[in-house]
Amino acid sequence: MTVNTFPIKMRERGQLTIPQAVREEWATQNGDMMTLVQFEGFAVLAPANLKAPALAKEFSRIMDEEQVSLANLLEGLAEERQKSHEMRQQGMSQQDDN
């Protein structure tokens, strides 16, 4: 995943200009709706067109191609969560030792 940061300036009435490179990548046009998701101290802006159905279809295709069932996927996820939990616990344990 690539992360880019773009400085933007708020103008009158809260208007922002989305950089051209972003507009081109998102294939947005004048009048397109956007979605702003506000978290505690920051926000995420994304095109409002729904990509979830297309992503779900692509994900299903890959799972079929790789012969991975939902049960396999969930089992792998549980294993990864356990590993992550153990790593966090080890990190906290090492901080306590210092």
Protein backbone atom coordinates (compact mmCIF):
# COMPACT_ATOMS: atom_id res chain seq x y z
CA MET A 1 0.00 0.00 0.00
CA THR A 2 1.34 3.40 -0.95
CA VAL A 3 0.71 6.36 1.33
CA ASN A 4 1.03 9.87 -0.06
CA THR A 5 0.55 13.14 1.77
CA PHE A 6 -0.69 16.26 0.00
CA PRO A 7 -0.87 19.72 1.57
CA ILE A 8 -4.23 21.33 0.88
CA LYS A 9 -5.61 24.70 1.91
CA MET A 10 -9.12 25.33 3.16
CA ARG A 11 -10.81 28.19 1.37
CA GLU A 12 -14.00 30.13 1.99
CA ARG A 13 -16.98 28.09 3.15
CA GLY A 14 -14.71 25.08 3.88
CA GLN A 15 -13.87 24.30 0.27
CA LEU A 16 -10.84 22.10 -0.45
CA THR A 17 -9.18 21.27 -3.75
CA ILE A 18 -8.23 17.62 -4.15
CA PRO A 19 -4.86 17.43 -5.94
CA GLN A 20 -5.08 16.53 -9.62
CA ALA A 21 -3.00 13.35 -9.20
CA VAL A 22 -5.53 12.05 -6.66
CA ARG A 23 -8.52 13.04 -8.80
CA GLU A 24 -6.99 11.20 -11.76
CA GLU A 25 -6.22 8.07 -9.73
CA TRP A 26 -9.76 8.03 -8.33
CA ALA A 27 -11.19 8.85 -11.78
CA THR A 28 -13.41 11.50 -10.20
CA GLN A 29 -15.17 14.25 -12.08
CA ASN A 30 -16.80 17.54 -11.22
CA GLY A 31 -19.92 16.88 -9.16
CA ASP A 32 -18.91 13.39 -7.95
CA MET A 33 -19.87 12.62 -4.36
CA MET A 34 -17.16 11.95 -1.79
CA THR A 35 -17.27 10.34 1.64
CA LEU A 36 -15.49 11.94 4.60
CA VAL A 37 -14.91 9.65 7.58
CA GLN A 38 -13.99 11.54 10.74
CA PHE A 39 -11.97 9.85 13.46
CA GLU A 40 -10.81 11.44 16.73
CA GLY A 41 -8.11 13.76 15.42
CA PHE A 42 -8.12 13.10 11.69
CA ALA A 43 -10.32 12.37 8.70
CA VAL A 44 -10.20 10.18 5.61
CA LEU A 45 -11.67 11.29 2.30
CA ALA A 46 -12.63 8.76 -0.38
CA PRO A 47 -14.75 8.59 -3.50
CA ALA A 48 -18.34 7.70 -2.63
CA ASN A 49 -18.69 5.14 -5.41
CA LEU A 50 -19.11 1.72 -3.90
CA LYS A 51 -16.10 -0.51 -4.43
CA ALA A 52 -17.03 -3.16 -1.87
CA PRO A 53 -19.12 -5.29 -4.29
CA ALA A 54 -16.31 -5.36 -6.87
CA LEU A 55 -13.72 -6.09 -4.19
CA ALA A 56 -15.85 -8.91 -2.76
CA LYS A 57 -16.22 -10.45 -6.21
CA GLU A 58 -12.45 -10.23 -6.82
CA PHE A 59 -11.72 -11.66 -3.37
CA SER A 60 -14.07 -14.60 -4.05
CA ARG A 61 -12.41 -15.22 -7.41
CA ILE A 62 -8.95 -15.33 -5.79
CA MET A 63 -10.21 -17.66 -3.05
CA ASP A 64 -11.67 -20.01 -5.67
CA GLU A 65 -8.50 -19.86 -7.74
CA GLU A 66 -6.31 -20.63 -4.70
CA GLN A 67 -8.82 -23.21 -3.39
CA VAL A 68 -9.14 -21.43 -0.04
CA SER A 69 -12.40 -21.84 1.84
CA LEU A 70 -13.88 -19.31 4.21
CA ALA A 71 -13.14 -21.74 7.05
CA ASN A 72 -9.45 -21.84 6.01
CA LEU A 73 -9.37 -18.08 5.84
CA LEU A 74 -10.92 -17.65 9.28
CA GLU A 75 -8.57 -20.25 10.76
CA GLY A 76 -5.58 -18.40 9.31
CA LEU A 77 -6.95 -15.12 10.65
CA ALA A 78 -7.30 -16.61 14.13
CA GLU A 79 -3.69 -17.81 13.98
CA GLU A 80 -2.46 -14.37 12.87
CA ARG A 81 -4.43 -12.65 15.64
CA GLN A 82 -2.91 -15.02 18.20
CA LYS A 83 0.62 -14.32 16.91
CA SER A 84 -0.07 -10.58 17.00
CA HIS A 85 -1.40 -10.83 20.55
CA GLU A 86 1.68 -12.77 21.65
CA MET A 87 4.01 -10.21 20.05
CA ARG A 88 2.22 -7.35 21.83
CA GLN A 89 2.43 -9.21 25.12
CA GLN A 90 6.18 -9.79 24.61
CA GLY A 91 6.65 -6.09 23.84
CA MET A 92 4.80 -5.06 27.00
CA SER A 93 6.77 -7.59 29.02
CA GLN A 94 10.06 -6.19 27.74
CA GLN A 95 8.97 -2.62 28.57
CA ASP A 96 8.10 -3.70 32.11
CA ASP A 97 11.60 -5.21 32.50
CA ASN A 98 13.22 -1.84 31.68
